[in-house]
Protein backbone atom coordinates (compact mmCIF):
# COMPACT_ATOMS: atom_id res chain seq x y z
CA MET A 1 151.91 136.64 101.69
CA THR A 2 155.01 134.69 100.83
CA PRO A 3 155.13 131.95 98.20
CA ASN A 4 155.79 129.39 100.95
CA GLU A 5 152.51 130.29 102.71
CA LYS A 6 150.62 130.01 99.42
CA CYS A 7 152.08 126.57 98.84
CA ASN A 8 151.12 125.40 102.34
CA ARG A 9 147.52 126.56 101.88
CA ARG A 10 147.26 124.88 98.52
CA ARG A 11 148.71 121.68 99.92
CA PHE A 12 146.28 121.81 102.87
CA ILE A 13 143.27 122.37 100.61
CA LYS A 14 144.39 119.67 98.19
CA THR A 15 144.96 117.18 101.02
CA THR A 16 141.58 118.01 102.59
CA LEU A 17 139.74 117.53 99.29
CA ILE A 18 141.45 114.22 98.62
CA ALA A 19 140.72 112.96 102.14
CA GLY A 20 137.07 114.03 101.89
CA ALA A 21 136.62 112.35 98.52
CA THR A 22 138.25 109.17 99.77
CA ALA A 23 136.03 109.09 102.85
CA GLY A 24 132.94 109.74 100.72
CA ILE A 25 133.76 106.88 98.39
CA ALA A 26 134.81 104.41 101.11
CA ALA A 27 131.91 105.06 103.52
CA PRO A 28 129.23 103.08 101.63
CA LEU A 29 131.59 100.14 101.24
CA LEU A 30 132.14 99.69 104.98
CA PRO A 31 129.58 97.48 106.74
CA GLY A 32 127.47 99.44 109.17
CA PRO A 33 125.33 98.22 112.07
CA GLU A 34 122.15 98.23 109.99
CA GLN A 35 123.72 96.13 107.22
CA THR A 36 124.86 93.36 109.54
CA SER A 37 121.64 93.24 111.55
CA ALA A 38 119.48 93.43 108.44
CA SER A 39 120.59 89.96 107.42
CA GLN A 40 119.17 88.49 110.64
CA ILE A 41 115.66 88.65 112.11
CA THR A 42 114.65 88.08 115.73
CA MET A 43 111.62 85.82 116.08
CA LEU A 44 109.58 84.43 118.98
CA THR A 45 109.22 80.66 119.24
CA SER A 46 106.08 78.90 120.41
CA ASP A 47 107.60 78.28 123.85
CA GLY A 48 108.34 82.00 124.34
CA LYS A 49 112.06 82.13 123.52
CA LEU A 50 113.66 84.70 121.24
CA VAL A 51 115.79 83.29 118.43
CA THR A 52 117.78 84.98 115.68
CA VAL A 53 117.20 83.60 112.19
CA ASN A 54 119.06 84.42 108.98
CA LYS A 55 116.86 86.26 106.53
CA SER A 56 117.91 83.96 103.67
CA VAL A 57 116.63 80.89 105.55
CA LEU A 58 113.33 82.61 106.24
CA GLU A 59 112.92 83.59 102.58
CA GLN A 60 113.50 79.98 101.50
CA THR A 61 110.76 78.64 103.78
CA THR A 62 108.16 81.30 102.97
CA GLY A 63 108.07 80.15 99.34
CA GLN A 64 106.55 76.81 100.37
CA LYS A 65 102.86 75.98 100.03
CA LYS A 66 100.79 76.88 103.09
CA ALA A 67 98.22 74.55 104.62
CA THR A 68 94.57 75.31 103.99
CA GLU A 69 92.02 75.60 106.80
CA ARG A 70 90.52 72.27 105.83
CA GLU A 71 93.92 70.54 106.06
CA VAL A 72 94.52 72.07 109.50
CA PHE A 73 91.11 70.91 110.80
CA GLU A 74 91.68 67.42 109.40
CA TRP A 75 95.08 67.32 111.11
CA MET A 76 93.53 68.48 114.42
CA ASN A 77 90.88 65.77 114.27
CA ASN A 78 93.37 63.05 113.31
CA LYS A 79 94.08 60.77 116.28
CA HIS A 80 97.37 59.57 114.78
CA LYS A 81 99.17 62.96 114.76
CA THR A 82 102.91 62.94 114.87
């Protein structure tokens, strides 16, 4: 084995290790398909259409107070519904 061959092998191994480490570090930083689709949710509307809603908007509305059964029945019996 000549010194030139030894140097080429060392350079190849060094380059491979550096490239592997760089790819390992950079991979989690790149947005993947699950990261982009995770921020949106597909929902079904009352008229049967599919819509895509941002998860942040959905989280804001779920924190609101929900109507009780009594309030729903009173609303159903109200003749002046809007």
